[in-house]
Amino acid sequence: TAYPPLVGAMVEASRYTGRIIQVGTGMPGATLDIPMQTFMVSAKQYFGAVQGHALTEESVPQMISWWKEGKFEVDKLVKLYDVKDFKSAVKAMGSGEVIKPVIVW
């Protein structure tokens, strides 16, 4: 997420040498306040990931394999919504009821 208070909490809560990866873009002008000395001596890393920096040729087949083995339960992450139920999909995403609503046209 790119919600500054949550990112700050992730930086604070991560362990020594931990990695904090921001995958959301964030709102224009949003800033993050990090205590520089504490951050530096903890050897933590904070960076952004564009499209997850995934190697799709490797990661997609791996995720499909995990799904087939029952290790990656995509069905629990995704919910399909008819286009006429668009507002319901947005509401469900906002409430956390569903992680990835998919609009079916």
Protein backbone atom coordinates (compact mmCIF):
# COMPACT_ATOMS: atom_id res chain seq x y z
CA THR A 1 0.00 0.00 0.00
CA ALA A 2 1.06 3.58 -0.38
CA TYR A 3 -0.98 5.03 2.49
CA PRO A 4 1.72 7.04 4.33
CA PRO A 5 0.70 6.18 7.93
CA LEU A 6 0.64 2.49 7.03
CA VAL A 7 3.97 2.65 5.20
CA GLY A 8 5.47 4.40 8.22
CA ALA A 9 4.13 1.63 10.46
CA MET A 10 5.65 -0.98 8.13
CA VAL A 11 9.03 0.73 8.32
CA GLU A 12 8.80 0.89 12.11
CA ALA A 13 7.56 -2.71 12.51
CA SER A 14 9.99 -4.38 10.13
CA ARG A 15 12.90 -6.24 11.67
CA TYR A 16 16.58 -5.42 11.53
CA THR A 17 17.71 -5.68 7.87
CA GLY A 18 14.05 -5.98 6.82
CA ARG A 19 12.75 -4.97 3.41
CA ILE A 20 9.76 -2.71 2.98
CA ILE A 21 8.35 -2.80 -0.56
CA GLN A 22 5.81 -0.21 -1.68
CA VAL A 23 3.61 -1.55 -4.46
CA GLY A 24 0.95 1.16 -4.52
CA THR A 25 1.61 4.44 -6.31
CA GLY A 26 0.27 6.75 -3.63
CA MET A 27 -1.47 10.07 -3.95
CA PRO A 28 0.31 12.98 -5.65
CA GLY A 29 2.23 14.96 -3.07
CA ALA A 30 2.09 12.26 -0.38
CA THR A 31 5.22 12.11 1.74
CA LEU A 32 6.78 9.74 4.24
CA ASP A 33 8.62 10.84 7.39
CA ILE A 34 11.31 8.31 8.39
CA PRO A 35 13.61 8.78 11.40
CA MET A 36 16.90 8.73 9.48
CA GLN A 37 19.28 7.58 12.22
CA THR A 38 17.06 4.72 13.41
CA PHE A 39 16.41 3.67 9.80
CA MET A 40 20.08 3.73 8.85
CA VAL A 41 21.42 1.80 11.85
CA SER A 42 18.73 -0.86 11.45
CA ALA A 43 19.96 -1.61 7.90
CA LYS A 44 16.38 -1.71 6.63
CA GLN A 45 15.58 -1.25 2.95
CA TYR A 46 12.61 0.68 1.56
CA PHE A 47 11.92 0.63 -2.15
CA GLY A 48 9.15 0.72 -4.70
CA ALA A 49 8.21 -2.11 -7.03
CA VAL A 50 6.82 -1.41 -10.47
CA GLN A 51 4.50 -4.23 -11.54
CA GLY A 52 6.05 -6.21 -8.70
CA HIS A 53 9.34 -6.38 -10.60
CA ALA A 54 8.17 -9.84 -11.49
CA LEU A 55 9.84 -12.03 -14.05
CA THR A 56 6.54 -13.11 -15.56
CA GLU A 57 8.11 -15.92 -17.61
CA GLU A 58 9.05 -17.52 -14.28
CA SER A 59 6.51 -16.23 -11.78
CA VAL A 60 3.27 -16.89 -13.69
CA PRO A 61 4.00 -20.60 -14.31
CA GLN A 62 5.14 -20.89 -10.68
CA MET A 63 1.90 -19.34 -9.38
CA ILE A 64 -0.16 -21.61 -11.64
CA SER A 65 1.74 -24.58 -10.23
CA TRP A 66 1.07 -23.41 -6.66
CA TRP A 67 -2.62 -22.95 -7.54
CA LYS A 68 -2.83 -26.49 -8.95
CA GLU A 69 -1.14 -27.83 -5.79
CA GLY A 70 -3.60 -25.93 -3.58
CA LYS A 71 -0.88 -23.65 -2.19
CA PHE A 72 -2.12 -20.42 -3.82
CA GLU A 73 -5.83 -19.99 -3.21
CA VAL A 74 -6.66 -17.39 -5.86
CA ASP A 75 -10.37 -18.04 -5.34
CA LYS A 76 -10.10 -16.43 -1.89
CA LEU A 77 -8.50 -13.29 -3.35
CA VAL A 78 -10.70 -12.71 -6.41
CA LYS A 79 -14.44 -12.20 -6.73
CA LEU A 80 -16.27 -11.69 -10.02
CA TYR A 81 -18.88 -8.93 -10.37
CA ASP A 82 -21.23 -8.26 -13.26
CA VAL A 83 -20.68 -4.82 -14.76
CA LYS A 84 -24.08 -3.68 -13.41
CA ASP A 85 -22.77 -4.42 -9.87
CA PHE A 86 -19.80 -2.08 -10.24
CA LYS A 87 -20.71 -0.05 -7.15
CA SER A 88 -20.95 -3.24 -5.07
CA ALA A 89 -17.48 -4.25 -6.25
CA VAL A 90 -15.99 -0.90 -5.25
CA LYS A 91 -17.74 -1.05 -1.86
CA ALA A 92 -16.50 -4.62 -1.23
CA MET A 93 -12.94 -3.61 -2.12
CA GLY A 94 -13.12 -0.58 0.18
CA SER A 95 -14.42 -2.61 3.11
CA GLY A 96 -11.84 -5.36 2.64
CA GLU A 97 -14.52 -7.95 1.86
CA VAL A 98 -12.62 -8.79 -1.32
CA ILE A 99 -9.01 -8.16 -2.30
CA LYS A 100 -9.40 -8.12 -6.08
CA PRO A 101 -12.85 -7.48 -7.51
CA VAL A 102 -13.02 -8.32 -11.22
CA ILE A 103 -15.66 -6.70 -13.40
CA VAL A 104 -17.18 -9.09 -15.96
CA TRP A 105 -18.54 -7.33 -19.03
